[in-house]
Amino acid sequence: MKYDLNDFILKYQDADFLTLIVEVTKEVRQLDARYMRLKRNQYDEGLGYYRDHVGDFLFYLNCGIVPAGIGLKGLQKFQPIIENLVNKGQFKPQALDIFK
């Protein structure tokens, strides 16, 4: 399976906040289950990196805090989704201040 953050961003770029919470939570659970099924020395094909970013983005959505794991640099990858939430009025415009 291909784990690409750009595909994730394109998939959820136009989603509303509630859809993001529900769908990203499901995706994180699925990623965790796939990770647990990996054999000890099996290459994860980018699963760990992808899971870290998607999971930390979910943390940001839930808490509004820049996650320590991926930090601001990692969160910037999700800026298009955050900008869309601001444009829809589901996030305050101040949410974009962290990217300045």
C-alpha atoms as a PDB file:
ATOM      1  CA  MET A   1       0.000   0.000   0.000  1.00  0.00           C
ATOM      2  CA  LYS A   2       1.134   3.529  -0.736  1.00  0.00           C
ATOM      3  CA  TYR A   3       1.229   5.982   2.159  1.00  0.00           C
ATOM      4  CA  ASP A   4       1.300   9.479   0.697  1.00  0.00           C
ATOM      5  CA  LEU A   5       0.477  12.611   2.690  1.00  0.00           C
ATOM      6  CA  ASN A   6      -0.302  14.505  -0.514  1.00  0.00           C
ATOM      7  CA  ASP A   7      -3.061  11.997  -1.308  1.00  0.00           C
ATOM      8  CA  PHE A   8      -4.390  12.403   2.234  1.00  0.00           C
ATOM      9  CA  ILE A   9      -4.459  16.193   1.869  1.00  0.00           C
ATOM     10  CA  LEU A  10      -6.223  16.021  -1.504  1.00  0.00           C
ATOM     11  CA  LYS A  11      -8.759  13.573  -0.092  1.00  0.00           C
ATOM     12  CA  TYR A  12      -9.665  15.746   2.901  1.00  0.00           C
ATOM     13  CA  GLN A  13      -8.933  19.253   1.616  1.00  0.00           C
ATOM     14  CA  ASP A  14     -12.607  20.139   1.142  1.00  0.00           C
ATOM     15  CA  ALA A  15     -13.976  18.201   4.126  1.00  0.00           C
ATOM     16  CA  ASP A  16     -15.746  19.955   6.962  1.00  0.00           C
ATOM     17  CA  PHE A  17     -14.565  19.738  10.558  1.00  0.00           C
ATOM     18  CA  LEU A  18     -16.909  16.976  11.736  1.00  0.00           C
ATOM     19  CA  THR A  19     -16.128  14.822   8.715  1.00  0.00           C
ATOM     20  CA  LEU A  20     -12.423  15.256   9.407  1.00  0.00           C
ATOM     21  CA  ILE A  21     -12.782  14.215  13.037  1.00  0.00           C
ATOM     22  CA  VAL A  22     -14.777  11.089  12.164  1.00  0.00           C
ATOM     23  CA  GLU A  23     -12.852  10.006   9.066  1.00  0.00           C
ATOM     24  CA  VAL A  24      -9.340  10.791  10.273  1.00  0.00           C
ATOM     25  CA  THR A  25     -10.040   8.950  13.535  1.00  0.00           C
ATOM     26  CA  LYS A  26     -11.095   5.894  11.496  1.00  0.00           C
ATOM     27  CA  GLU A  27      -7.994   6.189   9.339  1.00  0.00           C
ATOM     28  CA  VAL A  28      -5.696   6.384  12.373  1.00  0.00           C
ATOM     29  CA  ARG A  29      -7.321   3.259  13.831  1.00  0.00           C
ATOM     30  CA  GLN A  30      -6.832   1.414  10.548  1.00  0.00           C
ATOM     31  CA  LEU A  31      -3.205   2.525  10.361  1.00  0.00           C
ATOM     32  CA  ASP A  32      -2.605   1.353  13.918  1.00  0.00           C
ATOM     33  CA  ALA A  33      -4.120  -2.036  13.095  1.00  0.00           C
ATOM     34  CA  ARG A  34      -1.924  -2.391  10.003  1.00  0.00           C
ATOM     35  CA  TYR A  35       1.143  -1.460  12.011  1.00  0.00           C
ATOM     36  CA  MET A  36       0.343  -4.060  14.664  1.00  0.00           C
ATOM     37  CA  ARG A  37       0.080  -6.753  11.967  1.00  0.00           C
ATOM     38  CA  LEU A  38       3.599  -6.069  10.654  1.00  0.00           C
ATOM     39  CA  LYS A  39       6.109  -8.785  11.349  1.00  0.00           C
ATOM     40  CA  ARG A  40       9.108  -7.897  13.469  1.00  0.00           C
ATOM     41  CA  ASN A  41      11.590  -7.143  10.666  1.00  0.00           C
ATOM     42  CA  GLN A  42       9.096  -6.259   7.957  1.00  0.00           C
ATOM     43  CA  TYR A  43       9.555  -2.877   6.247  1.00  0.00           C
ATOM     44  CA  ASP A  44       6.557  -0.643   6.892  1.00  0.00           C
ATOM     45  CA  GLU A  45       6.660   1.106   3.466  1.00  0.00           C
ATOM     46  CA  GLY A  46       6.290   4.529   5.073  1.00  0.00           C
ATOM     47  CA  LEU A  47       3.410   3.527   7.329  1.00  0.00           C
ATOM     48  CA  GLY A  48       5.102   4.816  10.495  1.00  0.00           C
ATOM     49  CA  TYR A  49       5.894   8.232   9.004  1.00  0.00           C
ATOM     50  CA  TYR A  50       2.393   8.545   7.535  1.00  0.00           C
ATOM     51  CA  ARG A  51       0.728   7.425  10.793  1.00  0.00           C
ATOM     52  CA  ASP A  52       2.782   9.905  12.829  1.00  0.00           C
ATOM     53  CA  HIS A  53       1.704  12.803  10.640  1.00  0.00           C
ATOM     54  CA  VAL A  54      -1.955  11.816  10.317  1.00  0.00           C
ATOM     55  CA  GLY A  55      -2.206  11.043  14.046  1.00  0.00           C
ATOM     56  CA  ASP A  56      -0.594  14.324  15.029  1.00  0.00           C
ATOM     57  CA  PHE A  57      -2.898  16.194  12.641  1.00  0.00           C
ATOM     58  CA  LEU A  58      -5.838  14.538  14.390  1.00  0.00           C
ATOM     59  CA  PHE A  59      -4.356  15.701  17.703  1.00  0.00           C
ATOM     60  CA  TYR A  60      -4.216  19.247  16.317  1.00  0.00           C
ATOM     61  CA  LEU A  61      -7.846  19.044  15.174  1.00  0.00           C
ATOM     62  CA  ASN A  62      -8.953  17.850  18.613  1.00  0.00           C
ATOM     63  CA  CYS A  63      -6.821  20.147  20.772  1.00  0.00           C
ATOM     64  CA  GLY A  64      -5.805  23.111  18.612  1.00  0.00           C
ATOM     65  CA  ILE A  65      -2.200  22.710  19.766  1.00  0.00           C
ATOM     66  CA  VAL A  66       0.810  22.174  17.524  1.00  0.00           C
ATOM     67  CA  PRO A  67       1.811  18.551  18.191  1.00  0.00           C
ATOM     68  CA  ALA A  68       5.319  17.999  19.519  1.00  0.00           C
ATOM     69  CA  GLY A  69       5.793  14.898  17.373  1.00  0.00           C
ATOM     70  CA  ILE A  70       5.689  16.473  13.911  1.00  0.00           C
ATOM     71  CA  GLY A  71       5.991  20.048  15.129  1.00  0.00           C
ATOM     72  CA  LEU A  72       5.135  23.137  13.132  1.00  0.00           C
ATOM     73  CA  LYS A  73       7.084  21.985  10.097  1.00  0.00           C
ATOM     74  CA  GLY A  74       5.032  18.801   9.855  1.00  0.00           C
ATOM     75  CA  LEU A  75       1.767  20.615  10.544  1.00  0.00           C
ATOM     76  CA  GLN A  76       2.469  22.981   7.643  1.00  0.00           C
ATOM     77  CA  LYS A  77       1.835  20.068   5.279  1.00  0.00           C
ATOM     78  CA  PHE A  78      -1.808  20.191   6.393  1.00  0.00           C
ATOM     79  CA  GLN A  79      -2.134  23.954   5.917  1.00  0.00           C
ATOM     80  CA  PRO A  80      -4.480  23.610   2.883  1.00  0.00           C
ATOM     81  CA  ILE A  81      -6.965  21.690   5.026  1.00  0.00           C
ATOM     82  CA  ILE A  82      -6.716  24.219   7.855  1.00  0.00           C
ATOM     83  CA  GLU A  83      -7.139  27.127   5.418  1.00  0.00           C
ATOM     84  CA  ASN A  84     -10.282  25.480   4.063  1.00  0.00           C
ATOM     85  CA  LEU A  85     -11.703  25.143   7.583  1.00  0.00           C
ATOM     86  CA  VAL A  86     -11.029  28.845   8.160  1.00  0.00           C
ATOM     87  CA  ASN A  87     -12.710  29.739   4.852  1.00  0.00           C
ATOM     88  CA  LYS A  88     -15.761  27.693   5.842  1.00  0.00           C
ATOM     89  CA  GLY A  89     -15.922  29.511   9.181  1.00  0.00           C
ATOM     90  CA  GLN A  90     -15.249  26.311  11.123  1.00  0.00           C
ATOM     91  CA  PHE A  91     -11.876  27.531  12.429  1.00  0.00           C
ATOM     92  CA  LYS A  92     -11.057  31.036  13.541  1.00  0.00           C
ATOM     93  CA  PRO A  93      -8.733  33.036  11.257  1.00  0.00           C
ATOM     94  CA  GLN A  94      -6.189  33.049  14.092  1.00  0.00           C
ATOM     95  CA  ALA A  95      -5.596  29.366  13.374  1.00  0.00           C
ATOM     96  CA  LEU A  96      -3.459  30.468  10.428  1.00  0.00           C
ATOM     97  CA  ASP A  97      -1.267  32.732  12.574  1.00  0.00           C
ATOM     98  CA  ILE A  98       1.013  29.831  13.471  1.00  0.00           C
ATOM     99  CA  PHE A  99       2.099  29.608   9.833  1.00  0.00           C
ATOM    100  CA  LYS A 100       3.354  33.189   9.648  1.00  0.00           C
END
